[in-house]
């Protein structure tokens, strides 16, 4: 995740911890100090690659600058799932990577539903 100073990511971690318990997984959460600490997030990904984790789920702080580090993960055979902010598809393609699965909420649909409810 980008950081745990944002309540959104705090709640995301709580959900991930519940899934960890329910599914019997071992979850390691790494975050940068701030959402704008891109170099730190890149280093965290590189550390995970060196540790040979089983998978990386990432909310990238930058849709382009994280791609080279994630390419190292892909080359190491580590599956990647992109959450929250979509990686730049053109940058991923230029890096020679396969498209990375993306999961997130649809803010446009959410805003529409909130507007309908308020009306």
PDB file of N, CA and C in Angstrom:
ATOM      1  N   UNK A   1       0.842  -1.179   0.000  1.00  0.00           N
ATOM      2  CA  UNK A   1       0.000   0.000   0.000  1.00  0.00           C
ATOM      3  C   UNK A   1       0.880   1.232   0.000  1.00  0.00           C
ATOM      4  N   UNK A   2       0.274   2.341  -0.357  1.00  0.00           N
ATOM      5  CA  UNK A   2       1.064   3.573  -0.424  1.00  0.00           C
ATOM      6  C   UNK A   2       1.523   4.009   0.962  1.00  0.00           C
ATOM      7  N   UNK A   3       0.601   4.009   1.916  1.00  0.00           N
ATOM      8  CA  UNK A   3       0.906   4.473   3.265  1.00  0.00           C
ATOM      9  C   UNK A   3      -0.194   4.024   4.204  1.00  0.00           C
ATOM     10  N   UNK A   4       0.060   4.016   5.486  1.00  0.00           N
ATOM     11  CA  UNK A   4      -1.003   3.748   6.451  1.00  0.00           C
ATOM     12  C   UNK A   4      -1.379   5.023   7.194  1.00  0.00           C
ATOM     13  N   UNK A   5      -1.048   6.180   6.631  1.00  0.00           N
ATOM     14  CA  UNK A   5      -1.488   7.445   7.208  1.00  0.00           C
ATOM     15  C   UNK A   5      -2.829   7.868   6.621  1.00  0.00           C
ATOM     16  N   UNK A   6      -3.284   7.181   5.585  1.00  0.00           N
ATOM     17  CA  UNK A   6      -4.563   7.460   4.939  1.00  0.00           C
ATOM     18  C   UNK A   6      -5.589   6.453   5.468  1.00  0.00           C
ATOM     19  N   UNK A   7      -6.732   6.924   6.009  1.00  0.00           N
ATOM     20  CA  UNK A   7      -7.742   6.004   6.561  1.00  0.00           C
ATOM     21  C   UNK A   7      -8.224   4.950   5.553  1.00  0.00           C
ATOM     22  N   UNK A   8      -8.240   5.277   4.267  1.00  0.00           N
ATOM     23  CA  UNK A   8      -8.642   4.318   3.238  1.00  0.00           C
ATOM     24  C   UNK A   8      -7.734   3.093   3.274  1.00  0.00           C
ATOM     25  N   UNK A   9      -6.427   3.315   3.363  1.00  0.00           N
ATOM     26  CA  UNK A   9      -5.480   2.213   3.367  1.00  0.00           C
ATOM     27  C   UNK A   9      -5.469   1.484   4.714  1.00  0.00           C
ATOM     28  N   UNK A  10      -5.790   2.182   5.789  1.00  0.00           N
ATOM     29  CA  UNK A  10      -5.913   1.522   7.093  1.00  0.00           C
ATOM     30  C   UNK A  10      -7.040   0.498   7.024  1.00  0.00           C
ATOM     31  N   UNK A  11      -8.175   0.897   6.456  1.00  0.00           N
ATOM     32  CA  UNK A  11      -9.303  -0.025   6.319  1.00  0.00           C
ATOM     33  C   UNK A  11      -8.980  -1.154   5.351  1.00  0.00           C
ATOM     34  N   UNK A  12      -8.235  -0.842   4.296  1.00  0.00           N
ATOM     35  CA  UNK A  12      -7.829  -1.874   3.347  1.00  0.00           C
ATOM     36  C   UNK A  12      -6.972  -2.921   4.053  1.00  0.00           C
ATOM     37  N   UNK A  13      -6.060  -2.476   4.908  1.00  0.00           N
ATOM     38  CA  UNK A  13      -5.231  -3.431   5.633  1.00  0.00           C
ATOM     39  C   UNK A  13      -6.075  -4.286   6.560  1.00  0.00           C
ATOM     40  N   UNK A  14      -7.066  -3.685   7.221  1.00  0.00           N
ATOM     41  CA  UNK A  14      -7.937  -4.466   8.108  1.00  0.00           C
ATOM     42  C   UNK A  14      -8.638  -5.578   7.328  1.00  0.00           C
ATOM     43  N   UNK A  15      -9.131  -5.255   6.144  1.00  0.00           N
ATOM     44  CA  UNK A  15      -9.782  -6.261   5.317  1.00  0.00           C
ATOM     45  C   UNK A  15      -8.806  -7.343   4.882  1.00  0.00           C
ATOM     46  N   UNK A  16      -7.606  -6.936   4.522  1.00  0.00           N
ATOM     47  CA  UNK A  16      -6.583  -7.903   4.113  1.00  0.00           C
ATOM     48  C   UNK A  16      -6.209  -8.813   5.283  1.00  0.00           C
ATOM     49  N   UNK A  17      -6.162  -8.267   6.483  1.00  0.00           N
ATOM     50  CA  UNK A  17      -5.841  -9.084   7.668  1.00  0.00           C
ATOM     51  C   UNK A  17      -6.951 -10.097   7.949  1.00  0.00           C
ATOM     52  N   UNK A  18      -8.212  -9.692   7.724  1.00  0.00           N
ATOM     53  CA  UNK A  18      -9.317 -10.640   7.886  1.00  0.00           C
ATOM     54  C   UNK A  18      -9.187 -11.776   6.875  1.00  0.00           C
ATOM     55  N   UNK A  19      -8.876 -11.428   5.633  1.00  0.00           N
ATOM     56  CA  UNK A  19      -8.698 -12.450   4.593  1.00  0.00           C
ATOM     57  C   UNK A  19      -7.519 -13.357   4.937  1.00  0.00           C
ATOM     58  N   UNK A  20      -6.463 -12.770   5.457  1.00  0.00           N
ATOM     59  CA  UNK A  20      -5.294 -13.564   5.859  1.00  0.00           C
ATOM     60  C   UNK A  20      -5.708 -14.648   6.849  1.00  0.00           C
ATOM     61  N   UNK A  21      -6.489 -14.247   7.838  1.00  0.00           N
ATOM     62  CA  UNK A  21      -6.940 -15.187   8.867  1.00  0.00           C
ATOM     63  C   UNK A  21      -7.904 -16.216   8.272  1.00  0.00           C
ATOM     64  N   UNK A  22      -8.890 -15.752   7.513  1.00  0.00           N
ATOM     65  CA  UNK A  22      -9.907 -16.645   6.941  1.00  0.00           C
ATOM     66  C   UNK A  22      -9.319 -17.657   5.968  1.00  0.00           C
ATOM     67  N   UNK A  23      -8.317 -17.245   5.204  1.00  0.00           N
ATOM     68  CA  UNK A  23      -7.747 -18.102   4.164  1.00  0.00           C
ATOM     69  C   UNK A  23      -6.475 -18.829   4.596  1.00  0.00           C
ATOM     70  N   UNK A  24      -5.996 -18.514   5.802  1.00  0.00           N
ATOM     71  CA  UNK A  24      -4.791 -19.170   6.291  1.00  0.00           C
ATOM     72  C   UNK A  24      -3.536 -18.753   5.536  1.00  0.00           C
ATOM     73  N   UNK A  25      -3.486 -17.503   5.148  1.00  0.00           N
ATOM     74  CA  UNK A  25      -2.341 -16.983   4.404  1.00  0.00           C
ATOM     75  C   UNK A  25      -1.369 -16.288   5.340  1.00  0.00           C
ATOM     76  N   UNK A  26      -0.213 -15.973   4.823  1.00  0.00           N
ATOM     77  CA  UNK A  26       0.769 -15.171   5.543  1.00  0.00           C
ATOM     78  C   UNK A  26       0.930 -13.862   4.776  1.00  0.00           C
ATOM     79  N   UNK A  27       0.497 -12.784   5.376  1.00  0.00           N
ATOM     80  CA  UNK A  27       0.492 -11.474   4.733  1.00  0.00           C
ATOM     81  C   UNK A  27       1.588 -10.589   5.312  1.00  0.00           C
ATOM     82  N   UNK A  28       2.337  -9.967   4.442  1.00  0.00           N
ATOM     83  CA  UNK A  28       3.332  -8.982   4.850  1.00  0.00           C
ATOM     84  C   UNK A  28       2.906  -7.656   4.243  1.00  0.00           C
ATOM     85  N   UNK A  29       2.681  -6.655   5.081  1.00  0.00           N
ATOM     86  CA  UNK A  29       2.278  -5.338   4.600  1.00  0.00           C
ATOM     87  C   UNK A  29       3.466  -4.404   4.687  1.00  0.00           C
ATOM     88  N   UNK A  30       3.756  -3.773   3.576  1.00  0.00           N
ATOM     89  CA  UNK A  30       4.843  -2.794   3.517  1.00  0.00           C
ATOM     90  C   UNK A  30       4.253  -1.500   2.967  1.00  0.00           C
ATOM     91  N   UNK A  31       4.607  -0.401   3.586  1.00  0.00           N
ATOM     92  CA  UNK A  31       4.115   0.890   3.117  1.00  0.00           C
ATOM     93  C   UNK A  31       5.232   1.923   3.149  1.00  0.00           C
ATOM     94  N   UNK A  32       5.071   2.904   2.309  1.00  0.00           N
ATOM     95  CA  UNK A  32       5.979   4.043   2.329  1.00  0.00           C
ATOM     96  C   UNK A  32       5.527   4.997   3.430  1.00  0.00           C
ATOM     97  N   UNK A  33       6.383   5.939   3.773  1.00  0.00           N
ATOM     98  CA  UNK A  33       6.058   6.897   4.822  1.00  0.00           C
ATOM     99  C   UNK A  33       4.915   7.821   4.408  1.00  0.00           C
ATOM    100  N   UNK A  34       4.895   8.185   3.125  1.00  0.00           N
ATOM    101  CA  UNK A  34       3.861   9.072   2.592  1.00  0.00           C
ATOM    102  C   UNK A  34       3.439   8.556   1.226  1.00  0.00           C
ATOM    103  N   UNK A  35       2.249   8.976   0.775  1.00  0.00           N
ATOM    104  CA  UNK A  35       1.761   8.558  -0.540  1.00  0.00           C
ATOM    105  C   UNK A  35       2.677   9.026  -1.661  1.00  0.00           C
ATOM    106  N   UNK A  36       3.446  10.072  -1.412  1.00  0.00           N
ATOM    107  CA  UNK A  36       4.339  10.623  -2.430  1.00  0.00           C
ATOM    108  C   UNK A  36       5.765  10.072  -2.326  1.00  0.00           C
ATOM    109  N   UNK A  37       5.990   9.109  -1.445  1.00  0.00           N
ATOM    110  CA  UNK A  37       7.327   8.527  -1.258  1.00  0.00           C
ATOM    111  C   UNK A  37       7.554   7.409  -2.280  1.00  0.00           C
ATOM    112  N   UNK A  38       7.636   7.793  -3.539  1.00  0.00           N
ATOM    113  CA  UNK A  38       7.709   6.822  -4.630  1.00  0.00           C
ATOM    114  C   UNK A  38       9.010   6.020  -4.583  1.00  0.00           C
ATOM    115  N   UNK A  39      10.119   6.683  -4.362  1.00  0.00           N
ATOM    116  CA  UNK A  39      11.396   5.963  -4.306  1.00  0.00           C
ATOM    117  C   UNK A  39      11.384   4.922  -3.193  1.00  0.00           C
ATOM    118  N   UNK A  40      10.758   5.248  -2.084  1.00  0.00           N
ATOM    119  CA  UNK A  40      10.665   4.295  -0.985  1.00  0.00           C
ATOM    120  C   UNK A  40       9.781   3.109  -1.393  1.00  0.00           C
ATOM    121  N   UNK A  41       8.690   3.359  -2.093  1.00  0.00           N
ATOM    122  CA  UNK A  41       7.824   2.271  -2.543  1.00  0.00           C
ATOM    123  C   UNK A  41       8.557   1.382  -3.552  1.00  0.00           C
ATOM    124  N   UNK A  42       9.335   1.992  -4.432  1.00  0.00           N
ATOM    125  CA  UNK A  42      10.138   1.214  -5.386  1.00  0.00           C
ATOM    126  C   UNK A  42      11.097   0.306  -4.615  1.00  0.00           C
ATOM    127  N   UNK A  43      11.757   0.835  -3.601  1.00  0.00           N
ATOM    128  CA  UNK A  43      12.688   0.032  -2.804  1.00  0.00           C
ATOM    129  C   UNK A  43      11.970  -1.102  -2.091  1.00  0.00           C
ATOM    130  N   UNK A  44      10.758  -0.859  -1.608  1.00  0.00           N
ATOM    131  CA  UNK A  44       9.984  -1.913  -0.948  1.00  0.00           C
ATOM    132  C   UNK A  44       9.684  -3.056  -1.918  1.00  0.00           C
ATOM    133  N   UNK A  45       9.325  -2.719  -3.156  1.00  0.00           N
ATOM    134  CA  UNK A  45       9.065  -3.752  -4.164  1.00  0.00           C
ATOM    135  C   UNK A  45      10.349  -4.535  -4.433  1.00  0.00           C
ATOM    136  N   UNK A  46      11.451  -3.838  -4.606  1.00  0.00           N
ATOM    137  CA  UNK A  46      12.722  -4.518  -4.869  1.00  0.00           C
ATOM    138  C   UNK A  46      13.119  -5.420  -3.698  1.00  0.00           C
ATOM    139  N   UNK A  47      12.844  -4.984  -2.472  1.00  0.00           N
ATOM    140  CA  UNK A  47      13.119  -5.814  -1.296  1.00  0.00           C
ATOM    141  C   UNK A  47      12.254  -7.075  -1.311  1.00  0.00           C
ATOM    142  N   UNK A  48      10.995  -6.933  -1.718  1.00  0.00           N
ATOM    143  CA  UNK A  48      10.104  -8.099  -1.776  1.00  0.00           C
ATOM    144  C   UNK A  48      10.565  -9.083  -2.851  1.00  0.00           C
ATOM    145  N   UNK A  49      11.045  -8.556  -3.962  1.00  0.00           N
ATOM    146  CA  UNK A  49      11.567  -9.425  -5.017  1.00  0.00           C
ATOM    147  C   UNK A  49      12.782 -10.191  -4.486  1.00  0.00           C
ATOM    148  N   UNK A  50      13.660  -9.483  -3.799  1.00  0.00           N
ATOM    149  CA  UNK A  50      14.854 -10.132  -3.237  1.00  0.00           C
ATOM    150  C   UNK A  50      14.470 -11.178  -2.186  1.00  0.00           C
ATOM    151  N   UNK A  51      13.371 -10.940  -1.483  1.00  0.00           N
ATOM    152  CA  UNK A  51      12.889 -11.886  -0.470  1.00  0.00           C
ATOM    153  C   UNK A  51      12.128 -13.054  -1.081  1.00  0.00           C
ATOM    154  N   UNK A  52      11.871 -12.973  -2.388  1.00  0.00           N
ATOM    155  CA  UNK A  52      11.166 -14.021  -3.127  1.00  0.00           C
ATOM    156  C   UNK A  52       9.779 -14.297  -2.553  1.00  0.00           C
ATOM    157  N   UNK A  53       8.996 -13.219  -2.366  1.00  0.00           N
ATOM    158  CA  UNK A  53       7.623 -13.377  -1.887  1.00  0.00           C
ATOM    159  C   UNK A  53       6.816 -14.167  -2.915  1.00  0.00           C
ATOM    160  N   UNK A  54       5.687 -14.700  -2.493  1.00  0.00           N
ATOM    161  CA  UNK A  54       4.845 -15.507  -3.378  1.00  0.00           C
ATOM    162  C   UNK A  54       4.020 -14.656  -4.339  1.00  0.00           C
ATOM    163  N   UNK A  55       3.691 -13.429  -3.950  1.00  0.00           N
ATOM    164  CA  UNK A  55       2.893 -12.538  -4.794  1.00  0.00           C
ATOM    165  C   UNK A  55       3.028 -11.112  -4.266  1.00  0.00           C
ATOM    166  N   UNK A  56       2.737 -10.151  -5.127  1.00  0.00           N
ATOM    167  CA  UNK A  56       2.733  -8.738  -4.731  1.00  0.00           C
ATOM    168  C   UNK A  56       1.394  -8.142  -5.130  1.00  0.00           C
ATOM    169  N   UNK A  57       0.730  -7.534  -4.159  1.00  0.00           N
ATOM    170  CA  UNK A  57      -0.476  -6.759  -4.409  1.00  0.00           C
ATOM    171  C   UNK A  57      -0.073  -5.323  -4.125  1.00  0.00           C
ATOM    172  N   UNK A  58      -0.201  -4.464  -5.132  1.00  0.00           N
ATOM    173  CA  UNK A  58       0.338  -3.105  -4.990  1.00  0.00           C
ATOM    174  C   UNK A  58      -0.662  -2.028  -5.364  1.00  0.00           C
ATOM    175  N   UNK A  59      -0.703  -1.007  -4.527  1.00  0.00           N
ATOM    176  CA  UNK A  59      -1.397   0.242  -4.830  1.00  0.00           C
ATOM    177  C   UNK A  59      -0.284   1.232  -5.171  1.00  0.00           C
ATOM    178  N   UNK A  60       0.049   1.370  -6.449  1.00  0.00           N
ATOM    179  CA  UNK A  60       1.217   2.170  -6.811  1.00  0.00           C
ATOM    180  C   UNK A  60       1.020   3.663  -6.554  1.00  0.00           C
ATOM    181  N   UNK A  61       2.035   4.255  -5.963  1.00  0.00           N
ATOM    182  CA  UNK A  61       2.016   5.695  -5.743  1.00  0.00           C
ATOM    183  C   UNK A  61       2.236   6.466  -7.036  1.00  0.00           C
ATOM    184  N   UNK A  62       2.747   5.803  -8.049  1.00  0.00           N
ATOM    185  CA  UNK A  62       2.978   6.414  -9.365  1.00  0.00           C
ATOM    186  C   UNK A  62       2.715   5.338 -10.411  1.00  0.00           C
ATOM    187  N   UNK A  63       1.889   5.649 -11.377  1.00  0.00           N
ATOM    188  CA  UNK A  63       1.465   4.642 -12.355  1.00  0.00           C
ATOM    189  C   UNK A  63       2.545   4.269 -13.358  1.00  0.00           C
ATOM    190  N   UNK A  64       3.628   5.042 -13.416  1.00  0.00           N
ATOM    191  CA  UNK A  64       4.697   4.753 -14.368  1.00  0.00           C
ATOM    192  C   UNK A  64       6.004   4.365 -13.678  1.00  0.00           C
ATOM    193  N   UNK A  65       6.373   5.089 -12.656  1.00  0.00           N
ATOM    194  CA  UNK A  65       7.693   4.895 -12.046  1.00  0.00           C
ATOM    195  C   UNK A  65       7.849   3.556 -11.324  1.00  0.00           C
ATOM    196  N   UNK A  66       6.751   2.912 -10.935  1.00  0.00           N
ATOM    197  CA  UNK A  66       6.830   1.618 -10.264  1.00  0.00           C
ATOM    198  C   UNK A  66       7.014   0.468 -11.243  1.00  0.00           C
ATOM    199  N   UNK A  67       6.758   0.703 -12.521  1.00  0.00           N
ATOM    200  CA  UNK A  67       6.770  -0.370 -13.519  1.00  0.00           C
ATOM    201  C   UNK A  67       8.125  -1.093 -13.594  1.00  0.00           C
ATOM    202  N   UNK A  68       9.270  -0.423 -13.638  1.00  0.00           N
ATOM    203  CA  UNK A  68      10.536  -1.173 -13.710  1.00  0.00           C
ATOM    204  C   UNK A  68      10.748  -2.125 -12.527  1.00  0.00           C
ATOM    205  N   UNK A  69      10.385  -1.707 -11.333  1.00  0.00           N
ATOM    206  CA  UNK A  69      10.530  -2.586 -10.167  1.00  0.00           C
ATOM    207  C   UNK A  69       9.562  -3.760 -10.267  1.00  0.00           C
ATOM    208  N   UNK A  70       8.358  -3.500 -10.754  1.00  0.00           N
ATOM    209  CA  UNK A  70       7.386  -4.575 -10.907  1.00  0.00           C
ATOM    210  C   UNK A  70       7.784  -5.528 -12.028  1.00  0.00           C
ATOM    211  N   UNK A  71       8.478  -5.008 -13.031  1.00  0.00           N
ATOM    212  CA  UNK A  71       8.982  -5.885 -14.085  1.00  0.00           C
ATOM    213  C   UNK A  71       9.973  -6.882 -13.492  1.00  0.00           C
ATOM    214  N   UNK A  72      10.813  -6.436 -12.562  1.00  0.00           N
ATOM    215  CA  UNK A  72      11.745  -7.346 -11.893  1.00  0.00           C
ATOM    216  C   UNK A  72      10.976  -8.459 -11.181  1.00  0.00           C
ATOM    217  N   UNK A  73       9.854  -8.090 -10.573  1.00  0.00           N
ATOM    218  CA  UNK A  73       9.028  -9.088  -9.897  1.00  0.00           C
ATOM    219  C   UNK A  73       8.464 -10.083 -10.906  1.00  0.00           C
ATOM    220  N   UNK A  74       7.958  -9.558 -12.016  1.00  0.00           N
ATOM    221  CA  UNK A  74       7.392 -10.430 -13.048  1.00  0.00           C
ATOM    222  C   UNK A  74       8.458 -11.376 -13.602  1.00  0.00           C
ATOM    223  N   UNK A  75       9.654 -10.854 -13.839  1.00  0.00           N
ATOM    224  CA  UNK A  75      10.735 -11.693 -14.359  1.00  0.00           C
ATOM    225  C   UNK A  75      11.163 -12.758 -13.355  1.00  0.00           C
ATOM    226  N   UNK A  76      10.946 -12.472 -12.071  1.00  0.00           N
ATOM    227  CA  UNK A  76      11.272 -13.437 -11.022  1.00  0.00           C
ATOM    228  C   UNK A  76      10.135 -14.442 -10.821  1.00  0.00           C
ATOM    229  N   UNK A  77       9.074 -14.314 -11.622  1.00  0.00           N
ATOM    230  CA  UNK A  77       7.945 -15.245 -11.520  1.00  0.00           C
ATOM    231  C   UNK A  77       6.981 -14.919 -10.400  1.00  0.00           C
ATOM    232  N   UNK A  78       7.040 -13.709  -9.892  1.00  0.00           N
ATOM    233  CA  UNK A  78       6.156 -13.297  -8.799  1.00  0.00           C
ATOM    234  C   UNK A  78       4.890 -12.689  -9.400  1.00  0.00           C
ATOM    235  N   UNK A  79       3.724 -13.282  -9.142  1.00  0.00           N
ATOM    236  CA  UNK A  79       2.473 -12.703  -9.643  1.00  0.00           C
ATOM    237  C   UNK A  79       2.228 -11.327  -9.018  1.00  0.00           C
ATOM    238  N   UNK A  80       1.657 -10.429  -9.819  1.00  0.00           N
ATOM    239  CA  UNK A  80       1.387  -9.059  -9.388  1.00  0.00           C
ATOM    240  C   UNK A  80      -0.090  -8.776  -9.577  1.00  0.00           C
ATOM    241  N   UNK A  81      -0.690  -8.130  -8.586  1.00  0.00           N
ATOM    242  CA  UNK A  81      -2.051  -7.629  -8.699  1.00  0.00           C
ATOM    243  C   UNK A  81      -1.999  -6.145  -8.371  1.00  0.00           C
ATOM    244  N   UNK A  82      -2.575  -5.347  -9.231  1.00  0.00           N
ATOM    245  CA  UNK A  82      -2.593  -3.891  -9.114  1.00  0.00           C
ATOM    246  C   UNK A  82      -3.938  -3.468  -8.513  1.00  0.00           C
ATOM    247  N   UNK A  83      -3.903  -2.715  -7.394  1.00  0.00           N
ATOM    248  CA  UNK A  83      -5.125  -2.224  -6.771  1.00  0.00           C
ATOM    249  C   UNK A  83      -5.097  -0.710  -6.674  1.00  0.00           C
ATOM    250  N   UNK A  84      -6.252  -0.125  -6.509  1.00  0.00           N
ATOM    251  CA  UNK A  84      -6.456   1.304  -6.252  1.00  0.00           C
ATOM    252  C   UNK A  84      -6.126   2.182  -7.443  1.00  0.00           C
ATOM    253  N   UNK A  85      -4.869   2.423  -7.765  1.00  0.00           N
ATOM    254  CA  UNK A  85      -4.467   3.252  -8.910  1.00  0.00           C
ATOM    255  C   UNK A  85      -3.918   2.355 -10.003  1.00  0.00           C
ATOM    256  N   UNK A  86      -4.490   2.456 -11.179  1.00  0.00           N
ATOM    257  CA  UNK A  86      -4.091   1.587 -12.292  1.00  0.00           C
ATOM    258  C   UNK A  86      -2.702   1.967 -12.802  1.00  0.00           C
ATOM    259  N   UNK A  87      -1.873   0.948 -13.001  1.00  0.00           N
ATOM    260  CA  UNK A  87      -0.583   1.161 -13.660  1.00  0.00           C
ATOM    261  C   UNK A  87      -0.838   1.649 -15.081  1.00  0.00           C
ATOM    262  N   UNK A  88       0.034   2.483 -15.595  1.00  0.00           N
ATOM    263  CA  UNK A  88      -0.103   3.006 -16.948  1.00  0.00           C
ATOM    264  C   UNK A  88       0.110   1.868 -17.948  1.00  0.00           C
ATOM    265  N   UNK A  89      -0.951   1.555 -18.710  1.00  0.00           N
ATOM    266  CA  UNK A  89      -0.908   0.410 -19.628  1.00  0.00           C
ATOM    267  C   UNK A  89       0.191   0.549 -20.673  1.00  0.00           C
ATOM    268  N   UNK A  90       0.415   1.747 -21.173  1.00  0.00           N
ATOM    269  CA  UNK A  90       1.447   1.957 -22.186  1.00  0.00           C
ATOM    270  C   UNK A  90       2.842   1.729 -21.604  1.00  0.00           C
ATOM    271  N   UNK A  91       3.069   2.178 -20.382  1.00  0.00           N
ATOM    272  CA  UNK A  91       4.364   1.976 -19.733  1.00  0.00           C
ATOM    273  C   UNK A  91       4.602   0.491 -19.472  1.00  0.00           C
ATOM    274  N   UNK A  92       3.554  -0.215 -19.048  1.00  0.00           N
ATOM    275  CA  UNK A  92       3.659  -1.656 -18.819  1.00  0.00           C
ATOM    276  C   UNK A  92       4.007  -2.354 -20.133  1.00  0.00           C
ATOM    277  N   UNK A  93       3.326  -1.980 -21.204  1.00  0.00           N
ATOM    278  CA  UNK A  93       3.567  -2.587 -22.523  1.00  0.00           C
ATOM    279  C   UNK A  93       4.985  -2.291 -23.004  1.00  0.00           C
ATOM    280  N   UNK A  94       5.420  -1.032 -22.857  1.00  0.00           N
ATOM    281  CA  UNK A  94       6.768  -0.651 -23.280  1.00  0.00           C
ATOM    282  C   UNK A  94       7.845  -1.399 -22.492  1.00  0.00           C
ATOM    283  N   UNK A  95       7.524  -1.761 -21.264  1.00  0.00           N
ATOM    284  CA  UNK A  95       8.476  -2.510 -20.434  1.00  0.00           C
ATOM    285  C   UNK A  95       8.529  -3.983 -20.841  1.00  0.00           C
ATOM    286  N   UNK A  96       7.643  -4.371 -21.757  1.00  0.00           N
ATOM    287  CA  UNK A  96       7.624  -5.758 -22.209  1.00  0.00           C
ATOM    288  C   UNK A  96       6.901  -6.687 -21.252  1.00  0.00           C
ATOM    289  N   UNK A  97       6.048  -6.109 -20.413  1.00  0.00           N
ATOM    290  CA  UNK A  97       5.299  -6.911 -19.449  1.00  0.00           C
ATOM    291  C   UNK A  97       3.927  -7.275 -19.996  1.00  0.00           C
ATOM    292  N   UNK A  98       3.392  -8.358 -19.489  1.00  0.00           N
ATOM    293  CA  UNK A  98       1.999  -8.703 -19.747  1.00  0.00           C
ATOM    294  C   UNK A  98       1.136  -7.720 -18.955  1.00  0.00           C
ATOM    295  N   UNK A  99      -0.111  -7.497 -19.382  1.00  0.00           N
ATOM    296  CA  UNK A  99      -0.999  -6.635 -18.592  1.00  0.00           C
ATOM    297  C   UNK A  99      -1.129  -7.165 -17.159  1.00  0.00           C
ATOM    298  N   UNK A 100      -1.180  -6.256 -16.204  1.00  0.00           N
ATOM    299  CA  UNK A 100      -1.261  -6.606 -14.792  1.00  0.00           C
ATOM    300  C   UNK A 100      -2.730  -6.530 -14.359  1.00  0.00           C
ATOM    301  N   UNK A 101      -3.266  -7.590 -13.730  1.00  0.00           N
ATOM    302  CA  UNK A 101      -4.660  -7.538 -13.269  1.00  0.00           C
ATOM    303  C   UNK A 101      -4.890  -6.340 -12.356  1.00  0.00           C
ATOM    304  N   UNK A 102      -6.038  -5.687 -12.520  1.00  0.00           N
ATOM    305  CA  UNK A 102      -6.358  -4.478 -11.761  1.00  0.00           C
ATOM    306  C   UNK A 102      -7.694  -4.642 -11.054  1.00  0.00           C
ATOM    307  N   UNK A 103      -7.713  -4.308  -9.762  1.00  0.00           N
ATOM    308  CA  UNK A 103      -8.931  -4.330  -8.961  1.00  0.00           C
ATOM    309  C   UNK A 103      -9.074  -2.996  -8.255  1.00  0.00           C
ATOM    310  N   UNK A 104     -10.265  -2.423  -8.343  1.00  0.00           N
ATOM    311  CA  UNK A 104     -10.521  -1.166  -7.657  1.00  0.00           C
ATOM    312  C   UNK A 104     -12.012  -0.906  -7.645  1.00  0.00           C
ATOM    313  N   UNK A 105     -12.401   0.112  -6.942  1.00  0.00           N
ATOM    314  CA  UNK A 105     -13.788   0.549  -6.973  1.00  0.00           C
ATOM    315  C   UNK A 105     -13.973   1.457  -8.173  1.00  0.00           C
ATOM    316  N   UNK A 106     -15.189   1.558  -8.647  1.00  0.00           N
ATOM    317  CA  UNK A 106     -15.508   2.456  -9.746  1.00  0.00           C
ATOM    318  C   UNK A 106     -16.056   3.740  -9.143  1.00  0.00           C
ATOM    319  N   UNK A 107     -15.209   4.752  -8.997  1.00  0.00           N
ATOM    320  CA  UNK A 107     -15.608   5.998  -8.353  1.00  0.00           C
ATOM    321  C   UNK A 107     -16.709   6.722  -9.116  1.00  0.00           C
ATOM    322  N   UNK A 108     -16.726   6.584 -10.419  1.00  0.00           N
ATOM    323  CA  UNK A 108     -17.769   7.237 -11.208  1.00  0.00           C
ATOM    324  C   UNK A 108     -19.140   6.630 -10.882  1.00  0.00           C
ATOM    325  N   UNK A 109     -19.213   5.314 -10.815  1.00  0.00           N
ATOM    326  CA  UNK A 109     -20.466   4.653 -10.463  1.00  0.00           C
ATOM    327  C   UNK A 109     -20.861   5.015  -9.030  1.00  0.00           C
ATOM    328  N   UNK A 110     -19.882   5.026  -8.121  1.00  0.00           N
ATOM    329  CA  UNK A 110     -20.161   5.394  -6.732  1.00  0.00           C
ATOM    330  C   UNK A 110     -20.703   6.807  -6.606  1.00  0.00           C
ATOM    331  N   UNK A 111     -20.116   7.741  -7.342  1.00  0.00           N
ATOM    332  CA  UNK A 111     -20.590   9.125  -7.315  1.00  0.00           C
ATOM    333  C   UNK A 111     -22.008   9.222  -7.873  1.00  0.00           C
ATOM    334  N   UNK A 112     -22.273   8.475  -8.941  1.00  0.00           N
ATOM    335  CA  UNK A 112     -23.613   8.463  -9.541  1.00  0.00           C
ATOM    336  C   UNK A 112     -24.640   7.948  -8.537  1.00  0.00           C
ATOM    337  N   UNK A 113     -24.339   6.848  -7.865  1.00  0.00           N
ATOM    338  CA  UNK A 113     -25.264   6.283  -6.884  1.00  0.00           C
ATOM    339  C   UNK A 113     -25.479   7.234  -5.723  1.00  0.00           C
ATOM    340  N   UNK A 114     -24.402   7.880  -5.251  1.00  0.00           N
ATOM    341  CA  UNK A 114     -24.533   8.853  -4.164  1.00  0.00           C
ATOM    342  C   UNK A 114     -25.414  10.023  -4.610  1.00  0.00           C
ATOM    343  N   UNK A 115     -25.202  10.504  -5.830  1.00  0.00           N
ATOM    344  CA  UNK A 115     -26.025  11.597  -6.347  1.00  0.00           C
ATOM    345  C   UNK A 115     -27.485  11.214  -6.449  1.00  0.00           C
ATOM    346  N   UNK A 116     -27.762  10.020  -6.951  1.00  0.00           N
ATOM    347  CA  UNK A 116     -29.154   9.544  -7.069  1.00  0.00           C
ATOM    348  C   UNK A 116     -29.793   9.459  -5.695  1.00  0.00           C
ATOM    349  N   UNK A 117     -29.037   8.950  -4.707  1.00  0.00           N
ATOM    350  CA  UNK A 117     -29.574   8.822  -3.360  1.00  0.00           C
ATOM    351  C   UNK A 117     -29.904  10.200  -2.789  1.00  0.00           C
ATOM    352  N   UNK A 118     -29.025  11.164  -2.989  1.00  0.00           N
ATOM    353  CA  UNK A 118     -29.238  12.498  -2.441  1.00  0.00           C
ATOM    354  C   UNK A 118     -30.414  13.213  -3.096  1.00  0.00           C
ATOM    355  N   UNK A 119     -30.613  12.953  -4.391  1.00  0.00           N
ATOM    356  CA  UNK A 119     -31.737  13.575  -5.102  1.00  0.00           C
ATOM    357  C   UNK A 119     -33.023  12.962  -4.595  1.00  0.00           C
TER     358      UNK A 119
END
